[in-house]
N, C-alpha and C. Protein backbone atom coordinates (compact mmCIF):
# COMPACT_ATOMS: atom_id res chain seq x y z
N UNK A 1 1.06 -1.11 0.02
CA UNK A 1 -0.03 0.13 0.01
C UNK A 1 0.93 1.35 0.13
N UNK A 2 0.42 2.52 -0.66
CA UNK A 2 1.26 3.23 -0.88
C UNK A 2 0.32 4.63 -0.56
N UNK A 3 0.91 5.33 0.80
CA UNK A 3 0.24 6.53 1.12
C UNK A 3 1.03 8.00 0.87
N UNK A 4 0.55 9.35 0.60
CA UNK A 4 1.37 10.09 0.67
C UNK A 4 1.01 11.10 1.51
N UNK A 5 2.18 12.14 2.29
CA UNK A 5 1.88 12.60 3.38
C UNK A 5 1.27 13.99 2.95
N UNK A 6 0.03 14.57 3.16
CA UNK A 6 -0.72 15.66 2.58
C UNK A 6 -0.20 17.09 3.39
N UNK A 7 0.15 16.77 4.46
CA UNK A 7 0.53 17.91 5.39
C UNK A 7 1.14 17.29 7.08
N UNK A 8 1.73 17.74 7.84
CA UNK A 8 2.10 17.70 8.99
C UNK A 8 1.79 19.04 9.65
N UNK A 9 1.02 18.79 10.60
CA UNK A 9 0.41 20.20 11.82
C UNK A 9 0.96 19.59 12.89
N UNK A 10 2.07 20.21 13.53
CA UNK A 10 2.04 20.13 15.01
C UNK A 10 2.24 18.64 15.46
N UNK A 11 1.83 18.02 16.06
CA UNK A 11 1.50 16.50 16.59
C UNK A 11 0.91 15.50 15.53
N UNK A 12 0.68 15.93 14.45
CA UNK A 12 -0.43 15.22 13.49
C UNK A 12 0.28 15.41 12.04
N UNK A 13 0.04 14.07 11.59
CA UNK A 13 0.34 14.21 10.20
C UNK A 13 -0.84 13.68 9.12
N UNK A 14 -1.14 14.54 8.38
CA UNK A 14 -2.57 14.00 7.39
C UNK A 14 -1.95 13.38 6.58
N UNK A 15 -2.43 11.71 5.96
CA UNK A 15 -1.92 11.17 4.82
C UNK A 15 -3.33 10.50 4.11
N UNK A 16 -3.09 10.79 2.67
CA UNK A 16 -3.78 10.44 1.97
C UNK A 16 -3.36 9.09 1.53
N UNK A 17 -4.55 8.01 1.73
CA UNK A 17 -4.69 6.76 1.16
C UNK A 17 -4.60 6.63 -0.06
N UNK A 18 -4.42 5.46 -0.63
CA UNK A 18 -4.81 5.22 -2.28
C UNK A 18 -6.17 5.56 -3.00
N UNK A 19 -7.00 5.30 -1.64
CA UNK A 19 -8.73 5.73 -2.34
C UNK A 19 -8.97 6.84 -2.26
N UNK A 20 -8.05 8.00 -1.94
CA UNK A 20 -8.06 9.24 -1.74
C UNK A 20 -8.81 9.65 -0.20
N UNK A 21 -9.16 8.83 0.57
CA UNK A 21 -9.50 9.23 2.11
C UNK A 21 -8.76 9.90 2.78
N UNK A 22 -8.40 10.83 3.70
CA UNK A 22 -7.85 11.14 4.68
C UNK A 22 -7.68 10.59 5.55
N UNK A 23 -6.17 10.65 6.54
CA UNK A 23 -5.87 9.82 7.85
C UNK A 23 -5.02 10.73 8.45
N UNK A 24 -5.56 10.93 9.75
CA UNK A 24 -4.71 11.38 10.68
C UNK A 24 -4.06 10.42 11.83
N UNK A 25 -2.81 10.90 11.78
CA UNK A 25 -1.91 10.25 12.60
C UNK A 25 -1.05 10.77 13.27
N UNK A 26 -0.53 10.22 14.26
CA UNK A 26 0.73 10.82 14.76
C UNK A 26 1.93 10.86 14.39
N UNK A 27 2.39 12.15 14.09
CA UNK A 27 3.59 12.81 13.40
C UNK A 27 4.85 12.03 13.71
N UNK A 28 4.67 11.45 14.87
CA UNK A 28 5.71 10.57 15.21
C UNK A 28 6.07 9.49 14.24
N UNK A 29 5.05 8.99 14.08
CA UNK A 29 5.24 7.84 12.83
C UNK A 29 5.78 8.07 11.74
N UNK A 30 5.71 9.39 11.26
CA UNK A 30 6.46 9.73 10.25
C UNK A 30 7.57 10.62 10.42
N UNK A 31 8.34 10.45 11.47
CA UNK A 31 9.40 11.23 11.68
C UNK A 31 10.61 11.49 10.78
N UNK A 32 10.91 12.61 10.31
CA UNK A 32 11.93 13.27 9.43
C UNK A 32 11.38 13.07 7.89
N UNK A 33 9.94 12.97 7.88
CA UNK A 33 9.45 13.14 6.76
C UNK A 33 8.66 14.48 6.43
N UNK A 34 8.39 14.85 5.07
CA UNK A 34 7.62 15.83 4.73
C UNK A 34 6.47 15.91 3.78
N UNK A 35 5.92 17.24 3.75
CA UNK A 35 4.76 16.81 3.01
C UNK A 35 5.08 16.18 1.29
N UNK A 36 4.46 15.61 0.90
CA UNK A 36 4.98 14.94 -0.67
C UNK A 36 5.36 13.48 -0.61
N UNK A 37 6.22 13.21 0.56
CA UNK A 37 6.77 12.10 0.68
C UNK A 37 6.05 10.90 0.66
N UNK A 38 6.05 10.03 0.17
CA UNK A 38 5.46 8.71 -0.03
C UNK A 38 5.77 8.00 1.06
N UNK A 39 4.69 7.14 1.74
CA UNK A 39 4.89 6.12 2.83
C UNK A 39 4.72 4.67 2.03
N UNK A 40 5.31 3.93 2.03
CA UNK A 40 5.26 2.30 1.39
C UNK A 40 5.02 1.55 2.83
N UNK A 41 3.85 0.87 2.67
CA UNK A 41 3.65 -0.17 3.90
C UNK A 41 3.56 -1.40 3.31
N UNK A 42 4.12 -2.15 3.99
CA UNK A 42 4.28 -3.67 3.21
C UNK A 42 3.99 -4.53 4.62
N UNK A 43 3.19 -5.51 4.45
CA UNK A 43 2.65 -6.65 5.37
C UNK A 43 3.66 -8.13 5.08
N UNK A 44 4.45 -8.66 6.14
CA UNK A 44 4.88 -9.72 5.79
C UNK A 44 4.40 -10.59 6.87
N UNK A 45 4.21 -12.15 6.32
CA UNK A 45 3.47 -12.65 7.16
C UNK A 45 4.49 -13.70 7.72
N UNK A 46 4.36 -14.12 9.27
CA UNK A 46 5.51 -14.90 9.79
C UNK A 46 4.43 -16.00 10.52
N UNK A 47 4.33 -16.96 10.08
CA UNK A 47 3.73 -18.30 10.96
C UNK A 47 4.58 -18.68 11.90
N UNK A 48 4.01 -18.74 12.93
CA UNK A 48 4.63 -19.53 14.30
C UNK A 48 4.13 -20.87 14.52
N UNK A 49 4.81 -21.76 15.04
CA UNK A 49 4.44 -22.95 15.29
C UNK A 49 4.20 -22.99 16.96
N UNK A 50 3.17 -22.30 17.17
CA UNK A 50 2.97 -21.84 18.77
C UNK A 50 2.70 -23.38 19.10
N UNK A 51 2.24 -24.11 18.70
CA UNK A 51 1.97 -25.49 19.67
C UNK A 51 3.48 -25.98 20.13
N UNK A 52 4.66 -26.21 19.17
CA UNK A 52 5.95 -26.74 19.31
C UNK A 52 6.46 -25.66 20.56
N UNK A 53 6.24 -24.46 20.36
CA UNK A 53 6.86 -23.14 21.57
C UNK A 53 6.16 -23.61 22.93
N UNK A 54 5.00 -24.23 22.70
CA UNK A 54 4.36 -24.30 24.18
C UNK A 54 4.74 -25.62 24.40
N UNK A 55 4.91 -26.83 23.76
CA UNK A 55 5.47 -27.88 24.30
C UNK A 55 6.81 -27.83 25.01
N UNK A 56 7.42 -26.96 24.01
CA UNK A 56 9.22 -26.79 24.57
C UNK A 56 8.95 -26.23 25.90
N UNK A 57 8.34 -25.20 26.03
CA UNK A 57 8.28 -24.52 27.43
C UNK A 57 8.02 -25.36 28.71
N UNK A 58 6.77 -26.12 28.14
CA UNK A 58 6.14 -27.10 29.49
C UNK A 58 7.11 -28.08 29.74
N UNK A 59 7.61 -28.80 28.47
CA UNK A 59 8.83 -29.61 29.03
C UNK A 59 10.20 -29.12 29.84
N UNK A 60 10.64 -27.75 29.05
CA UNK A 60 11.44 -26.93 30.04
C UNK A 60 11.16 -26.94 31.55
N UNK A 61 9.80 -26.27 31.73
CA UNK A 61 9.20 -26.32 32.78
C UNK A 61 9.33 -27.35 33.89
N UNK A 62 8.82 -28.67 33.40
CA UNK A 62 8.85 -30.07 33.92
C UNK A 62 10.27 -29.92 34.62
N UNK A 63 11.20 -30.01 33.71
CA UNK A 63 12.68 -30.10 34.03
C UNK A 63 13.17 -29.43 35.16
N UNK A 64 12.62 -28.25 35.22
CA UNK A 64 12.76 -27.13 36.33
C UNK A 64 12.44 -27.40 37.55
N UNK A 65 11.63 -28.16 37.62
CA UNK A 65 10.95 -28.55 38.93
C UNK A 65 11.40 -29.52 39.95
């Protein structure tokens, strides 16, 4: 997804979404950015085998008692 910083006002930044909607966010999230800069958001998927982690912790807990 690509967003464009429309303006920065004190502690907030107004960004324009791809569909034209405007969104206000804390300016600290776009620190060192200026009006007209593009923000590119990527989402990475990382799957975690929580069952294996739970079993390892359970076994470790048994060994420490």
